[in-house]
Amino acid sequence: MQPGVEELCLVIRNTGRTGDDGRVSVTFGQLFETYVTISNKVVGILLRARKHGLVRFEGEMLWQGKDDDVVITLLE
């Protein structure tokens, strides 16, 4: 797994909430605010993580402000 993707999954795990299905989820707005201090490449890393089947979210691209309520779910 790529280092940025691994770190992103850790941030989601640490800041998100566990749902009824046992999976951890966080909104894009919350993740962006938390992760932007680590890396300004959060969207690119999210797309790579989804490509590797590690996270799930609706839409092709996420935009700060517009997509702050989109839920990102950790699949692993």
Protein backbone atom coordinates (compact mmCIF):
# COMPACT_ATOMS: atom_id res chain seq x y z
CA MET A 1 0.00 0.00 0.00
CA GLN A 2 1.26 3.49 -0.80
CA PRO A 3 2.38 5.56 2.23
CA GLY A 4 -0.12 8.41 1.69
CA VAL A 5 -3.01 5.97 1.34
CA GLU A 6 -1.99 4.11 4.49
CA GLU A 7 -1.79 7.36 6.45
CA LEU A 8 -5.18 8.48 5.09
CA CYS A 9 -6.82 5.23 6.25
CA LEU A 10 -5.30 5.75 9.70
CA VAL A 11 -6.68 9.30 9.87
CA ILE A 12 -10.15 8.03 8.88
CA ARG A 13 -9.94 5.27 11.49
CA ASN A 14 -8.91 7.78 14.19
CA THR A 15 -11.38 10.56 13.37
CA GLY A 16 -14.40 8.68 12.05
CA ARG A 17 -17.32 6.95 13.71
CA THR A 18 -18.12 3.26 13.64
CA GLY A 19 -21.52 2.56 12.09
CA ASP A 20 -23.98 -0.26 12.72
CA ASP A 21 -22.20 -2.28 10.03
CA GLY A 22 -18.91 -2.04 11.96
CA ARG A 23 -17.30 0.16 9.31
CA VAL A 24 -15.70 3.51 10.13
CA SER A 25 -17.02 6.57 8.28
CA VAL A 26 -16.19 10.27 8.21
CA THR A 27 -17.54 13.18 6.18
CA PHE A 28 -15.29 14.71 3.54
CA GLY A 29 -15.45 18.07 5.35
CA GLN A 30 -14.23 16.57 8.60
CA LEU A 31 -11.54 14.56 6.82
CA PHE A 32 -10.40 17.56 4.79
CA GLU A 33 -10.05 19.75 7.89
CA THR A 34 -8.12 17.04 9.74
CA TYR A 35 -5.97 15.79 6.90
CA VAL A 36 -5.13 19.06 5.14
CA THR A 37 -2.65 19.79 7.92
CA ILE A 38 -0.86 16.58 6.91
CA SER A 39 -1.17 16.83 3.13
CA ASN A 40 -2.80 19.15 0.61
CA LYS A 41 -3.19 16.13 -1.70
CA VAL A 42 -6.11 14.62 0.24
CA VAL A 43 -8.42 14.28 -2.79
CA GLY A 44 -5.80 12.51 -4.92
CA ILE A 45 -4.98 10.15 -2.08
CA LEU A 46 -8.70 9.45 -1.54
CA LEU A 47 -9.07 8.55 -5.22
CA ARG A 48 -6.08 6.18 -4.99
CA ALA A 49 -7.50 4.61 -1.83
CA ARG A 50 -10.83 4.03 -3.59
CA LYS A 51 -9.05 2.52 -6.59
CA HIS A 52 -7.43 0.03 -4.20
CA GLY A 53 -10.80 -0.80 -2.61
CA LEU A 54 -9.95 0.72 0.75
CA VAL A 55 -12.62 3.44 0.92
CA ARG A 56 -16.05 4.12 -0.56
CA PHE A 57 -17.77 7.43 -1.33
CA GLU A 58 -20.30 8.79 -3.81
CA GLY A 59 -19.21 10.83 -6.82
CA GLU A 60 -16.22 10.91 -9.10
CA MET A 61 -14.45 13.87 -7.47
CA LEU A 62 -14.77 15.66 -4.14
CA TRP A 63 -14.61 19.44 -3.76
CA GLN A 64 -14.03 21.35 -0.54
CA GLY A 65 -17.18 23.21 0.49
CA LYS A 66 -19.48 21.58 -2.08
CA ASP A 67 -18.92 17.98 -0.91
CA ASP A 68 -18.28 18.51 2.81
CA ASP A 69 -21.24 16.24 3.74
CA VAL A 70 -20.20 13.32 1.51
CA VAL A 71 -19.56 10.27 3.70
CA ILE A 72 -16.29 8.40 3.21
CA THR A 73 -16.35 4.85 4.53
CA LEU A 74 -13.27 2.81 5.34
CA LEU A 75 -13.70 -0.67 3.84
CA GLU A 76 -10.78 -2.38 5.49
